[in-house]
Amino acid sequence: MKKSDFETLLHQFSDVVKDSQVILSSSTQEEILFKARIWFIDSSKLAVTDHFFNISRRKYAYQWMKEDNSLIIRWDNVKHHPDIENFPFHKHIETDENVHSSEEMDLKTVLAYIAEQLK
């Protein structure tokens, strides 16, 4: 993700986004790595990691946390829960052990979900 695309996306959610920081944005012919933090109006925050490599592979994690860093939800596609429906896409709700199936996620979908929860 380019920094400009990130900023454009955040603008769409400006009613709930309080601040943001791009931690890493790098790309080569082989891979794109993007890491950022987003803070919301309720003082919760989202840690964003999106890693595209070899064009067709992607690893992601979107970790939404309370102000004290306790987990609200983390969506990711790490291949460590093969028994989950829709593997490898899953989410952890409130604890790492509370795992549920999820659709494949992207930042826009995650932000839309968070915005709905904050209304």
PDB file of N, CA and C in Angstrom:
ATOM      1  N   MET A   1       0.842  -1.178   0.000  1.00  0.00           N
ATOM      2  CA  MET A   1       0.000   0.000   0.000  1.00  0.00           C
ATOM      3  C   MET A   1       0.884   1.236   0.000  1.00  0.00           C
ATOM      4  N   LYS A   2       0.575   2.152  -0.845  1.00  0.00           N
ATOM      5  CA  LYS A   2       1.301   3.415  -0.873  1.00  0.00           C
ATOM      6  C   LYS A   2       0.789   4.321   0.240  1.00  0.00           C
ATOM      7  N   LYS A   3       1.672   5.169   0.740  1.00  0.00           N
ATOM      8  CA  LYS A   3       1.283   6.097   1.795  1.00  0.00           C
ATOM      9  C   LYS A   3       0.116   6.973   1.341  1.00  0.00           C
ATOM     10  N   SER A   4       0.112   7.400   0.097  1.00  0.00           N
ATOM     11  CA  SER A   4      -0.976   8.250  -0.410  1.00  0.00           C
ATOM     12  C   SER A   4      -2.307   7.491  -0.432  1.00  0.00           C
ATOM     13  N   ASP A   5      -2.282   6.201  -0.776  1.00  0.00           N
ATOM     14  CA  ASP A   5      -3.503   5.385  -0.746  1.00  0.00           C
ATOM     15  C   ASP A   5      -4.012   5.226   0.686  1.00  0.00           C
ATOM     16  N   PHE A   6      -3.093   5.057   1.611  1.00  0.00           N
ATOM     17  CA  PHE A   6      -3.431   4.942   3.026  1.00  0.00           C
ATOM     18  C   PHE A   6      -4.113   6.217   3.508  1.00  0.00           C
ATOM     19  N   GLU A   7      -3.535   7.354   3.176  1.00  0.00           N
ATOM     20  CA  GLU A   7      -4.102   8.637   3.601  1.00  0.00           C
ATOM     21  C   GLU A   7      -5.473   8.877   2.981  1.00  0.00           C
ATOM     22  N   THR A   8      -5.643   8.503   1.721  1.00  0.00           N
ATOM     23  CA  THR A   8      -6.945   8.634   1.058  1.00  0.00           C
ATOM     24  C   THR A   8      -7.985   7.763   1.754  1.00  0.00           C
ATOM     25  N   LEU A   9      -7.609   6.549   2.087  1.00  0.00           N
ATOM     26  CA  LEU A   9      -8.519   5.638   2.775  1.00  0.00           C
ATOM     27  C   LEU A   9      -8.899   6.181   4.151  1.00  0.00           C
ATOM     28  N   LEU A  10      -7.929   6.678   4.892  1.00  0.00           N
ATOM     29  CA  LEU A  10      -8.218   7.218   6.221  1.00  0.00           C
ATOM     30  C   LEU A  10      -9.159   8.409   6.142  1.00  0.00           C
ATOM     31  N   HIS A  11      -9.033   9.196   5.096  1.00  0.00           N
ATOM     32  CA  HIS A  11      -9.914  10.358   4.923  1.00  0.00           C
ATOM     33  C   HIS A  11     -11.379   9.922   4.858  1.00  0.00           C
ATOM     34  N   GLN A  12     -11.635   8.756   4.280  1.00  0.00           N
ATOM     35  CA  GLN A  12     -13.007   8.233   4.195  1.00  0.00           C
ATOM     36  C   GLN A  12     -13.581   7.909   5.577  1.00  0.00           C
ATOM     37  N   PHE A  13     -12.712   7.720   6.556  1.00  0.00           N
ATOM     38  CA  PHE A  13     -13.142   7.370   7.909  1.00  0.00           C
ATOM     39  C   PHE A  13     -12.744   8.456   8.912  1.00  0.00           C
ATOM     40  N   SER A  14     -12.667   9.686   8.443  1.00  0.00           N
ATOM     41  CA  SER A  14     -12.202  10.791   9.284  1.00  0.00           C
ATOM     42  C   SER A  14     -13.125  11.072  10.468  1.00  0.00           C
ATOM     43  N   ASP A  15     -14.358  10.580  10.416  1.00  0.00           N
ATOM     44  CA  ASP A  15     -15.265  10.776  11.553  1.00  0.00           C
ATOM     45  C   ASP A  15     -14.886   9.913  12.757  1.00  0.00           C
ATOM     46  N   VAL A  16     -14.102   8.866  12.554  1.00  0.00           N
ATOM     47  CA  VAL A  16     -13.689   8.001  13.671  1.00  0.00           C
ATOM     48  C   VAL A  16     -12.172   7.927  13.860  1.00  0.00           C
ATOM     49  N   VAL A  17     -11.391   8.307  12.856  1.00  0.00           N
ATOM     50  CA  VAL A  17      -9.927   8.265  12.957  1.00  0.00           C
ATOM     51  C   VAL A  17      -9.420   9.565  13.567  1.00  0.00           C
ATOM     52  N   LYS A  18      -8.662   9.430  14.661  1.00  0.00           N
ATOM     53  CA  LYS A  18      -8.107  10.595  15.341  1.00  0.00           C
ATOM     54  C   LYS A  18      -6.691  10.908  14.861  1.00  0.00           C
ATOM     55  N   ASP A  19      -5.892   9.865  14.617  1.00  0.00           N
ATOM     56  CA  ASP A  19      -4.498  10.070  14.228  1.00  0.00           C
ATOM     57  C   ASP A  19      -3.984   8.789  13.572  1.00  0.00           C
ATOM     58  N   SER A  20      -2.854   8.915  12.895  1.00  0.00           N
ATOM     59  CA  SER A  20      -2.246   7.744  12.262  1.00  0.00           C
ATOM     60  C   SER A  20      -0.752   7.960  12.108  1.00  0.00           C
ATOM     61  N   GLN A  21      -0.049   6.857  11.935  1.00  0.00           N
ATOM     62  CA  GLN A  21       1.396   6.902  11.719  1.00  0.00           C
ATOM     63  C   GLN A  21       1.792   5.747  10.812  1.00  0.00           C
ATOM     64  N   VAL A  22       2.459   6.061   9.724  1.00  0.00           N
ATOM     65  CA  VAL A  22       3.031   5.022   8.873  1.00  0.00           C
ATOM     66  C   VAL A  22       4.380   4.657   9.477  1.00  0.00           C
ATOM     67  N   ILE A  23       4.541   3.409   9.821  1.00  0.00           N
ATOM     68  CA  ILE A  23       5.773   2.932  10.442  1.00  0.00           C
ATOM     69  C   ILE A  23       6.754   2.440   9.385  1.00  0.00           C
ATOM     70  N   LEU A  24       6.230   1.771   8.366  1.00  0.00           N
ATOM     71  CA  LEU A  24       7.069   1.233   7.303  1.00  0.00           C
ATOM     72  C   LEU A  24       6.257   1.130   6.027  1.00  0.00           C
ATOM     73  N   SER A  25       6.822   1.622   4.957  1.00  0.00           N
ATOM     74  CA  SER A  25       6.202   1.487   3.640  1.00  0.00           C
ATOM     75  C   SER A  25       7.330   1.272   2.649  1.00  0.00           C
ATOM     76  N   SER A  26       7.494   0.025   2.224  1.00  0.00           N
ATOM     77  CA  SER A  26       8.584  -0.266   1.298  1.00  0.00           C
ATOM     78  C   SER A  26       8.094  -1.197   0.202  1.00  0.00           C
ATOM     79  N   SER A  27       8.674  -1.038  -0.953  1.00  0.00           N
ATOM     80  CA  SER A  27       8.305  -1.931  -2.050  1.00  0.00           C
ATOM     81  C   SER A  27       9.505  -2.175  -2.951  1.00  0.00           C
ATOM     82  N   THR A  28       9.547  -3.393  -3.440  1.00  0.00           N
ATOM     83  CA  THR A  28      10.524  -3.793  -4.442  1.00  0.00           C
ATOM     84  C   THR A  28       9.737  -4.498  -5.537  1.00  0.00           C
ATOM     85  N   GLN A  29      10.422  -4.997  -6.533  1.00  0.00           N
ATOM     86  CA  GLN A  29       9.735  -5.771  -7.569  1.00  0.00           C
ATOM     87  C   GLN A  29       9.112  -7.030  -6.999  1.00  0.00           C
ATOM     88  N   GLU A  30       9.688  -7.541  -5.929  1.00  0.00           N
ATOM     89  CA  GLU A  30       9.264  -8.820  -5.367  1.00  0.00           C
ATOM     90  C   GLU A  30       8.258  -8.708  -4.231  1.00  0.00           C
ATOM     91  N   GLU A  31       8.274  -7.583  -3.501  1.00  0.00           N
ATOM     92  CA  GLU A  31       7.390  -7.513  -2.346  1.00  0.00           C
ATOM     93  C   GLU A  31       7.009  -6.085  -1.976  1.00  0.00           C
ATOM     94  N   ILE A  32       5.898  -6.004  -1.254  1.00  0.00           N
ATOM     95  CA  ILE A  32       5.421  -4.744  -0.692  1.00  0.00           C
ATOM     96  C   ILE A  32       5.158  -5.005   0.787  1.00  0.00           C
ATOM     97  N   LEU A  33       5.710  -4.171   1.641  1.00  0.00           N
ATOM     98  CA  LEU A  33       5.498  -4.298   3.079  1.00  0.00           C
ATOM     99  C   LEU A  33       4.994  -2.967   3.611  1.00  0.00           C
ATOM    100  N   PHE A  34       3.890  -3.022   4.343  1.00  0.00           N
ATOM    101  CA  PHE A  34       3.289  -1.810   4.886  1.00  0.00           C
ATOM    102  C   PHE A  34       2.903  -2.053   6.340  1.00  0.00           C
ATOM    103  N   LYS A  35       3.349  -1.142   7.219  1.00  0.00           N
ATOM    104  CA  LYS A  35       2.986  -1.202   8.635  1.00  0.00           C
ATOM    105  C   LYS A  35       2.569   0.188   9.078  1.00  0.00           C
ATOM    106  N   ALA A  36       1.497   0.240   9.862  1.00  0.00           N
ATOM    107  CA  ALA A  36       0.999   1.529  10.334  1.00  0.00           C
ATOM    108  C   ALA A  36       0.251   1.349  11.645  1.00  0.00           C
ATOM    109  N   ARG A  37      -0.010   2.478  12.304  1.00  0.00           N
ATOM    110  CA  ARG A  37      -0.861   2.522  13.490  1.00  0.00           C
ATOM    111  C   ARG A  37      -1.939   3.576  13.228  1.00  0.00           C
ATOM    112  N   ILE A  38      -3.142   3.276  13.700  1.00  0.00           N
ATOM    113  CA  ILE A  38      -4.262   4.206  13.575  1.00  0.00           C
ATOM    114  C   ILE A  38      -4.901   4.324  14.956  1.00  0.00           C
ATOM    115  N   TRP A  39      -5.156   5.563  15.380  1.00  0.00           N
ATOM    116  CA  TRP A  39      -5.827   5.807  16.652  1.00  0.00           C
ATOM    117  C   TRP A  39      -7.226   6.335  16.369  1.00  0.00           C
ATOM    118  N   PHE A  40      -8.182   5.893  17.180  1.00  0.00           N
ATOM    119  CA  PHE A  40      -9.580   6.239  16.965  1.00  0.00           C
ATOM    120  C   PHE A  40     -10.099   7.183  18.047  1.00  0.00           C
ATOM    121  N   ILE A  41     -11.292   7.711  17.820  1.00  0.00           N
ATOM    122  CA  ILE A  41     -11.878   8.712  18.713  1.00  0.00           C
ATOM    123  C   ILE A  41     -12.145   8.185  20.124  1.00  0.00           C
ATOM    124  N   ASP A  42     -12.234   6.889  20.297  1.00  0.00           N
ATOM    125  CA  ASP A  42     -12.457   6.309  21.627  1.00  0.00           C
ATOM    126  C   ASP A  42     -11.144   5.895  22.302  1.00  0.00           C
ATOM    127  N   SER A  43     -10.014   6.290  21.726  1.00  0.00           N
ATOM    128  CA  SER A  43      -8.651   5.981  22.197  1.00  0.00           C
ATOM    129  C   SER A  43      -8.214   4.550  21.907  1.00  0.00           C
ATOM    130  N   SER A  44      -9.038   3.768  21.213  1.00  0.00           N
ATOM    131  CA  SER A  44      -8.569   2.459  20.752  1.00  0.00           C
ATOM    132  C   SER A  44      -7.625   2.676  19.573  1.00  0.00           C
ATOM    133  N   LYS A  45      -6.932   1.623  19.183  1.00  0.00           N
ATOM    134  CA  LYS A  45      -5.954   1.754  18.097  1.00  0.00           C
ATOM    135  C   LYS A  45      -5.919   0.482  17.266  1.00  0.00           C
ATOM    136  N   LEU A  46      -5.415   0.635  16.064  1.00  0.00           N
ATOM    137  CA  LEU A  46      -5.295  -0.481  15.131  1.00  0.00           C
ATOM    138  C   LEU A  46      -3.854  -0.578  14.661  1.00  0.00           C
ATOM    139  N   ALA A  47      -3.258  -1.757  14.839  1.00  0.00           N
ATOM    140  CA  ALA A  47      -1.931  -2.038  14.295  1.00  0.00           C
ATOM    141  C   ALA A  47      -2.145  -2.751  12.962  1.00  0.00           C
ATOM    142  N   VAL A  48      -1.553  -2.215  11.917  1.00  0.00           N
ATOM    143  CA  VAL A  48      -1.743  -2.711  10.554  1.00  0.00           C
ATOM    144  C   VAL A  48      -0.437  -3.300  10.039  1.00  0.00           C
ATOM    145  N   THR A  49      -0.499  -4.532   9.543  1.00  0.00           N
ATOM    146  CA  THR A  49       0.621  -5.141   8.830  1.00  0.00           C
ATOM    147  C   THR A  49       0.065  -5.796   7.579  1.00  0.00           C
ATOM    148  N   ASP A  50       0.553  -5.387   6.437  1.00  0.00           N
ATOM    149  CA  ASP A  50       0.137  -5.976   5.167  1.00  0.00           C
ATOM    150  C   ASP A  50       1.396  -6.251   4.358  1.00  0.00           C
ATOM    151  N   HIS A  51       1.583  -7.514   3.979  1.00  0.00           N
ATOM    152  CA  HIS A  51       2.813  -7.932   3.305  1.00  0.00           C
ATOM    153  C   HIS A  51       2.440  -8.741   2.064  1.00  0.00           C
ATOM    154  N   PHE A  52       2.708  -8.175   0.912  1.00  0.00           N
ATOM    155  CA  PHE A  52       2.506  -8.873  -0.360  1.00  0.00           C
ATOM    156  C   PHE A  52       3.870  -9.332  -0.845  1.00  0.00           C
ATOM    157  N   PHE A  53       3.968 -10.595  -1.250  1.00  0.00           N
ATOM    158  CA  PHE A  53       5.242 -11.067  -1.785  1.00  0.00           C
ATOM    159  C   PHE A  53       4.994 -12.085  -2.880  1.00  0.00           C
ATOM    160  N   ASN A  54       5.942 -12.149  -3.792  1.00  0.00           N
ATOM    161  CA  ASN A  54       5.826 -13.018  -4.974  1.00  0.00           C
ATOM    162  C   ASN A  54       4.510 -12.799  -5.712  1.00  0.00           C
ATOM    163  N   ILE A  55       4.054 -11.572  -5.756  1.00  0.00           N
ATOM    164  CA  ILE A  55       2.857 -11.121  -6.466  1.00  0.00           C
ATOM    165  C   ILE A  55       1.571 -11.783  -5.975  1.00  0.00           C
ATOM    166  N   SER A  56       1.554 -13.081  -5.803  1.00  0.00           N
ATOM    167  CA  SER A  56       0.300 -13.776  -5.518  1.00  0.00           C
ATOM    168  C   SER A  56       0.108 -14.161  -4.047  1.00  0.00           C
ATOM    169  N   ARG A  57       1.058 -13.871  -3.187  1.00  0.00           N
ATOM    170  CA  ARG A  57       0.940 -14.261  -1.780  1.00  0.00           C
ATOM    171  C   ARG A  57       0.832 -13.028  -0.903  1.00  0.00           C
ATOM    172  N   ARG A  58       0.055 -13.172   0.155  1.00  0.00           N
ATOM    173  CA  ARG A  58      -0.166 -12.046   1.050  1.00  0.00           C
ATOM    174  C   ARG A  58      -0.301 -12.549   2.483  1.00  0.00           C
ATOM    175  N   LYS A  59       0.344 -11.842   3.396  1.00  0.00           N
ATOM    176  CA  LYS A  59       0.165 -12.069   4.828  1.00  0.00           C
ATOM    177  C   LYS A  59      -0.317 -10.755   5.427  1.00  0.00           C
ATOM    178  N   TYR A  60      -1.305 -10.848   6.298  1.00  0.00           N
ATOM    179  CA  TYR A  60      -1.797  -9.624   6.919  1.00  0.00           C
ATOM    180  C   TYR A  60      -2.165  -9.866   8.374  1.00  0.00           C
ATOM    181  N   ALA A  61      -2.191  -8.777   9.125  1.00  0.00           N
ATOM    182  CA  ALA A  61      -2.711  -8.772  10.490  1.00  0.00           C
ATOM    183  C   ALA A  61      -3.223  -7.365  10.769  1.00  0.00           C
ATOM    184  N   TYR A  62      -4.448  -7.316  11.251  1.00  0.00           N
ATOM    185  CA  TYR A  62      -5.063  -6.055  11.675  1.00  0.00           C
ATOM    186  C   TYR A  62      -5.479  -6.262  13.128  1.00  0.00           C
ATOM    187  N   GLN A  63      -4.756  -5.642  14.047  1.00  0.00           N
ATOM    188  CA  GLN A  63      -5.006  -5.863  15.469  1.00  0.00           C
ATOM    189  C   GLN A  63      -5.603  -4.611  16.091  1.00  0.00           C
ATOM    190  N   TRP A  64      -6.893  -4.696  16.435  1.00  0.00           N
ATOM    191  CA  TRP A  64      -7.615  -3.596  17.068  1.00  0.00           C
ATOM    192  C   TRP A  64      -7.527  -3.786  18.575  1.00  0.00           C
ATOM    193  N   MET A  65      -7.042  -2.755  19.266  1.00  0.00           N
ATOM    194  CA  MET A  65      -6.783  -2.857  20.700  1.00  0.00           C
ATOM    195  C   MET A  65      -7.393  -1.688  21.450  1.00  0.00           C
ATOM    196  N   LYS A  66      -7.683  -1.941  22.714  1.00  0.00           N
ATOM    197  CA  LYS A  66      -8.108  -0.870  23.604  1.00  0.00           C
ATOM    198  C   LYS A  66      -6.900   0.007  23.916  1.00  0.00           C
ATOM    199  N   GLU A  67      -7.156   1.112  24.574  1.00  0.00           N
ATOM    200  CA  GLU A  67      -6.085   2.043  24.930  1.00  0.00           C
ATOM    201  C   GLU A  67      -4.985   1.362  25.746  1.00  0.00           C
ATOM    202  N   ASP A  68      -5.349   0.373  26.576  1.00  0.00           N
ATOM    203  CA  ASP A  68      -4.370  -0.328  27.414  1.00  0.00           C
ATOM    204  C   ASP A  68      -3.686  -1.498  26.690  1.00  0.00           C
ATOM    205  N   ASN A  69      -3.859  -1.577  25.376  1.00  0.00           N
ATOM    206  CA  ASN A  69      -3.284  -2.614  24.506  1.00  0.00           C
ATOM    207  C   ASN A  69      -3.955  -3.978  24.622  1.00  0.00           C
ATOM    208  N   SER A  70      -5.048  -4.083  25.360  1.00  0.00           N
ATOM    209  CA  SER A  70      -5.757  -5.365  25.400  1.00  0.00           C
ATOM    210  C   SER A  70      -6.506  -5.561  24.084  1.00  0.00           C
ATOM    211  N   LEU A  71      -6.561  -6.793  23.660  1.00  0.00           N
ATOM    212  CA  LEU A  71      -7.111  -7.140  22.355  1.00  0.00           C
ATOM    213  C   LEU A  71      -8.622  -6.960  22.305  1.00  0.00           C
ATOM    214  N   ILE A  72      -9.082  -6.332  21.227  1.00  0.00           N
ATOM    215  CA  ILE A  72     -10.504  -6.311  20.899  1.00  0.00           C
ATOM    216  C   ILE A  72     -10.721  -7.395  19.845  1.00  0.00           C
ATOM    217  N   ILE A  73     -10.113  -7.219  18.681  1.00  0.00           N
ATOM    218  CA  ILE A  73     -10.148  -8.230  17.612  1.00  0.00           C
ATOM    219  C   ILE A  73      -8.845  -8.151  16.817  1.00  0.00           C
ATOM    220  N   ARG A  74      -8.322  -9.305  16.436  1.00  0.00           N
ATOM    221  CA  ARG A  74      -7.211  -9.352  15.475  1.00  0.00           C
ATOM    222  C   ARG A  74      -7.634 -10.255  14.324  1.00  0.00           C
ATOM    223  N   TRP A  75      -7.617  -9.695  13.135  1.00  0.00           N
ATOM    224  CA  TRP A  75      -7.866 -10.467  11.916  1.00  0.00           C
ATOM    225  C   TRP A  75      -6.513 -10.798  11.313  1.00  0.00           C
ATOM    226  N   ASP A  76      -6.294 -12.052  10.937  1.00  0.00           N
ATOM    227  CA  ASP A  76      -5.039 -12.395  10.273  1.00  0.00           C
ATOM    228  C   ASP A  76      -5.221 -13.648   9.431  1.00  0.00           C
ATOM    229  N   ASN A  77      -4.186 -13.969   8.678  1.00  0.00           N
ATOM    230  CA  ASN A  77      -4.230 -15.166   7.833  1.00  0.00           C
ATOM    231  C   ASN A  77      -3.006 -16.057   8.046  1.00  0.00           C
ATOM    232  N   VAL A  78      -2.450 -16.009   9.247  1.00  0.00           N
ATOM    233  CA  VAL A  78      -1.364 -16.920   9.592  1.00  0.00           C
ATOM    234  C   VAL A  78      -1.938 -18.336   9.597  1.00  0.00           C
ATOM    235  N   LYS A  79      -1.202 -19.262   9.036  1.00  0.00           N
ATOM    236  CA  LYS A  79      -1.724 -20.621   8.832  1.00  0.00           C
ATOM    237  C   LYS A  79      -1.525 -21.505  10.063  1.00  0.00           C
ATOM    238  N   HIS A  80      -2.065 -21.075  11.207  1.00  0.00           N
ATOM    239  CA  HIS A  80      -1.894 -21.866  12.423  1.00  0.00           C
ATOM    240  C   HIS A  80      -3.205 -22.425  12.986  1.00  0.00           C
ATOM    241  N   HIS A  81      -4.310 -22.305  12.258  1.00  0.00           N
ATOM    242  CA  HIS A  81      -5.587 -22.878  12.696  1.00  0.00           C
ATOM    243  C   HIS A  81      -6.239 -23.613  11.528  1.00  0.00           C
ATOM    244  N   PRO A  82      -5.669 -24.744  11.097  1.00  0.00           N
ATOM    245  CA  PRO A  82      -6.169 -25.436   9.902  1.00  0.00           C
ATOM    246  C   PRO A  82      -7.583 -25.999  10.043  1.00  0.00           C
ATOM    247  N   ASP A  83      -8.073 -26.136  11.267  1.00  0.00           N
ATOM    248  CA  ASP A  83      -9.413 -26.681  11.480  1.00  0.00           C
ATOM    249  C   ASP A  83     -10.517 -25.629  11.356  1.00  0.00           C
ATOM    250  N   ILE A  84     -10.143 -24.378  11.209  1.00  0.00           N
ATOM    251  CA  ILE A  84     -11.116 -23.284  11.118  1.00  0.00           C
ATOM    252  C   ILE A  84     -11.730 -23.245   9.721  1.00  0.00           C
ATOM    253  N   GLU A  85     -13.048 -23.068   9.674  1.00  0.00           N
ATOM    254  CA  GLU A  85     -13.724 -22.875   8.392  1.00  0.00           C
ATOM    255  C   GLU A  85     -13.137 -21.627   7.730  1.00  0.00           C
ATOM    256  N   ASN A  86     -12.968 -21.668   6.438  1.00  0.00           N
ATOM    257  CA  ASN A  86     -12.402 -20.567   5.653  1.00  0.00           C
ATOM    258  C   ASN A  86     -10.908 -20.366   5.932  1.00  0.00           C
ATOM    259  N   PHE A  87     -10.234 -21.428   6.389  1.00  0.00           N
ATOM    260  CA  PHE A  87      -8.788 -21.406   6.624  1.00  0.00           C
ATOM    261  C   PHE A  87      -8.074 -20.843   5.399  1.00  0.00           C
ATOM    262  N   PRO A  88      -7.098 -19.962   5.551  1.00  0.00           N
ATOM    263  CA  PRO A  88      -6.431 -19.547   6.781  1.00  0.00           C
ATOM    264  C   PRO A  88      -7.000 -18.264   7.402  1.00  0.00           C
ATOM    265  N   PHE A  89      -8.106 -17.756   6.879  1.00  0.00           N
ATOM    266  CA  PHE A  89      -8.640 -16.470   7.337  1.00  0.00           C
ATOM    267  C   PHE A  89      -9.395 -16.650   8.649  1.00  0.00           C
ATOM    268  N   HIS A  90      -8.982 -15.889   9.666  1.00  0.00           N
ATOM    269  CA  HIS A  90      -9.615 -16.017  10.969  1.00  0.00           C
ATOM    270  C   HIS A  90      -9.456 -14.738  11.772  1.00  0.00           C
ATOM    271  N   LYS A  91     -10.131 -14.711  12.913  1.00  0.00           N
ATOM    272  CA  LYS A  91     -10.025 -13.574  13.822  1.00  0.00           C
ATOM    273  C   LYS A  91      -9.954 -14.086  15.252  1.00  0.00           C
ATOM    274  N   HIS A  92      -9.251 -13.331  16.074  1.00  0.00           N
ATOM    275  CA  HIS A  92      -9.130 -13.608  17.502  1.00  0.00           C
ATOM    276  C   HIS A  92      -9.959 -12.535  18.206  1.00  0.00           C
ATOM    277  N   ILE A  93     -10.918 -12.946  19.012  1.00  0.00           N
ATOM    278  CA  ILE A  93     -11.793 -11.995  19.690  1.00  0.00           C
ATOM    279  C   ILE A  93     -11.455 -11.968  21.180  1.00  0.00           C
ATOM    280  N   GLU A  94     -10.943 -10.858  21.637  1.00  0.00           N
ATOM    281  CA  GLU A  94     -10.585 -10.553  23.028  1.00  0.00           C
ATOM    282  C   GLU A  94      -9.398 -11.329  23.583  1.00  0.00           C
ATOM    283  N   THR A  95      -9.170 -12.555  23.114  1.00  0.00           N
ATOM    284  CA  THR A  95      -7.992 -13.321  23.547  1.00  0.00           C
ATOM    285  C   THR A  95      -7.416 -14.060  22.342  1.00  0.00           C
ATOM    286  N   ASP A  96      -6.160 -14.425  22.429  1.00  0.00           N
ATOM    287  CA  ASP A  96      -5.537 -15.189  21.343  1.00  0.00           C
ATOM    288  C   ASP A  96      -6.185 -16.558  21.166  1.00  0.00           C
ATOM    289  N   GLU A  97      -6.745 -17.091  22.236  1.00  0.00           N
ATOM    290  CA  GLU A  97      -7.329 -18.429  22.196  1.00  0.00           C
ATOM    291  C   GLU A  97      -8.740 -18.463  21.611  1.00  0.00           C
ATOM    292  N   ASN A  98      -9.436 -17.343  21.602  1.00  0.00           N
ATOM    293  CA  ASN A  98     -10.820 -17.274  21.122  1.00  0.00           C
ATOM    294  C   ASN A  98     -10.811 -17.011  19.616  1.00  0.00           C
ATOM    295  N   VAL A  99     -10.693 -18.074  18.827  1.00  0.00           N
ATOM    296  CA  VAL A  99     -10.479 -17.984  17.380  1.00  0.00           C
ATOM    297  C   VAL A  99     -11.767 -18.334  16.639  1.00  0.00           C
ATOM    298  N   HIS A 100     -12.089 -17.513  15.633  1.00  0.00           N
ATOM    299  CA  HIS A 100     -13.281 -17.721  14.806  1.00  0.00           C
ATOM    300  C   HIS A 100     -12.914 -17.559  13.339  1.00  0.00           C
ATOM    301  N   SER A 101     -13.656 -18.220  12.493  1.00  0.00           N
ATOM    302  CA  SER A 101     -13.476 -18.067  11.055  1.00  0.00           C
ATOM    303  C   SER A 101     -13.776 -16.629  10.645  1.00  0.00           C
ATOM    304  N   SER A 102     -13.144 -16.188   9.582  1.00  0.00           N
ATOM    305  CA  SER A 102     -13.348 -14.840   9.063  1.00  0.00           C
ATOM    306  C   SER A 102     -13.222 -14.878   7.551  1.00  0.00           C
ATOM    307  N   GLU A 103     -13.747 -13.877   6.920  1.00  0.00           N
ATOM    308  CA  GLU A 103     -13.484 -13.681   5.501  1.00  0.00           C
ATOM    309  C   GLU A 103     -12.078 -13.106   5.358  1.00  0.00           C
ATOM    310  N   GLU A 104     -11.535 -13.144   4.156  1.00  0.00           N
ATOM    311  CA  GLU A 104     -10.271 -12.453   3.912  1.00  0.00           C
ATOM    312  C   GLU A 104     -10.509 -10.967   4.123  1.00  0.00           C
ATOM    313  N   MET A 105      -9.617 -10.315   4.839  1.00  0.00           N
ATOM    314  CA  MET A 105      -9.819  -8.916   5.203  1.00  0.00           C
ATOM    315  C   MET A 105      -8.842  -8.008   4.474  1.00  0.00           C
ATOM    316  N   ASP A 106      -9.256  -6.753   4.366  1.00  0.00           N
ATOM    317  CA  ASP A 106      -8.380  -5.689   3.895  1.00  0.00           C
ATOM    318  C   ASP A 106      -8.621  -4.490   4.800  1.00  0.00           C
ATOM    319  N   LEU A 107      -7.791  -3.481   4.677  1.00  0.00           N
ATOM    320  CA  LEU A 107      -7.864  -2.355   5.600  1.00  0.00           C
ATOM    321  C   LEU A 107      -9.199  -1.620   5.505  1.00  0.00           C
ATOM    322  N   LYS A 108      -9.721  -1.447   4.318  1.00  0.00           N
ATOM    323  CA  LYS A 108     -10.994  -0.735   4.170  1.00  0.00           C
ATOM    324  C   LYS A 108     -12.119  -1.473   4.895  1.00  0.00           C
ATOM    325  N   THR A 109     -12.174  -2.781   4.775  1.00  0.00           N
ATOM    326  CA  THR A 109     -13.205  -3.578   5.438  1.00  0.00           C
ATOM    327  C   THR A 109     -13.061  -3.501   6.956  1.00  0.00           C
ATOM    328  N   VAL A 110     -11.836  -3.562   7.445  1.00  0.00           N
ATOM    329  CA  VAL A 110     -11.583  -3.461   8.883  1.00  0.00           C
ATOM    330  C   VAL A 110     -12.002  -2.085   9.396  1.00  0.00           C
ATOM    331  N   LEU A 111     -11.631  -1.035   8.682  1.00  0.00           N
ATOM    332  CA  LEU A 111     -12.010   0.316   9.112  1.00  0.00           C
ATOM    333  C   LEU A 111     -13.522   0.502   9.104  1.00  0.00           C
ATOM    334  N   ALA A 112     -14.194  -0.055   8.124  1.00  0.00           N
ATOM    335  CA  ALA A 112     -15.658   0.038   8.073  1.00  0.00           C
ATOM    336  C   ALA A 112     -16.275  -0.672   9.280  1.00  0.00           C
ATOM    337  N   TYR A 113     -15.740  -1.829   9.638  1.00  0.00           N
ATOM    338  CA  TYR A 113     -16.234  -2.562  10.804  1.00  0.00           C
ATOM    339  C   TYR A 113     -16.028  -1.741  12.080  1.00  0.00           C
ATOM    340  N   ILE A 114     -14.836  -1.211  12.253  1.00  0.00           N
ATOM    341  CA  ILE A 114     -14.537  -0.427  13.458  1.00  0.00           C
ATOM    342  C   ILE A 114     -15.413   0.817  13.508  1.00  0.00           C
ATOM    343  N   ALA A 115     -15.569   1.497  12.391  1.00  0.00           N
ATOM    344  CA  ALA A 115     -16.416   2.698  12.349  1.00  0.00           C
ATOM    345  C   ALA A 115     -17.838   2.373  12.785  1.00  0.00           C
ATOM    346  N   GLU A 116     -18.349   1.247  12.335  1.00  0.00           N
ATOM    347  CA  GLU A 116     -19.710   0.831  12.721  1.00  0.00           C
ATOM    348  C   GLU A 116     -19.793   0.565  14.227  1.00  0.00           C
ATOM    349  N   GLN A 117     -18.755  -0.046  14.788  1.00  0.00           N
ATOM    350  CA  GLN A 117     -18.754  -0.341  16.221  1.00  0.00           C
ATOM    351  C   GLN A 117     -18.656   0.930  17.064  1.00  0.00           C
ATOM    352  N   LEU A 118     -18.014   1.956  16.534  1.00  0.00           N
ATOM    353  CA  LEU A 118     -17.805   3.190  17.297  1.00  0.00           C
ATOM    354  C   LEU A 118     -18.984   4.155  17.208  1.00  0.00           C
ATOM    355  N   LYS A 119     -19.948   3.852  16.365  1.00  0.00           N
ATOM    356  CA  LYS A 119     -21.113   4.749  16.222  1.00  0.00           C
ATOM    357  C   LYS A 119     -22.142   4.509  17.297  1.00  0.00           C
TER     358      LYS A 119
END
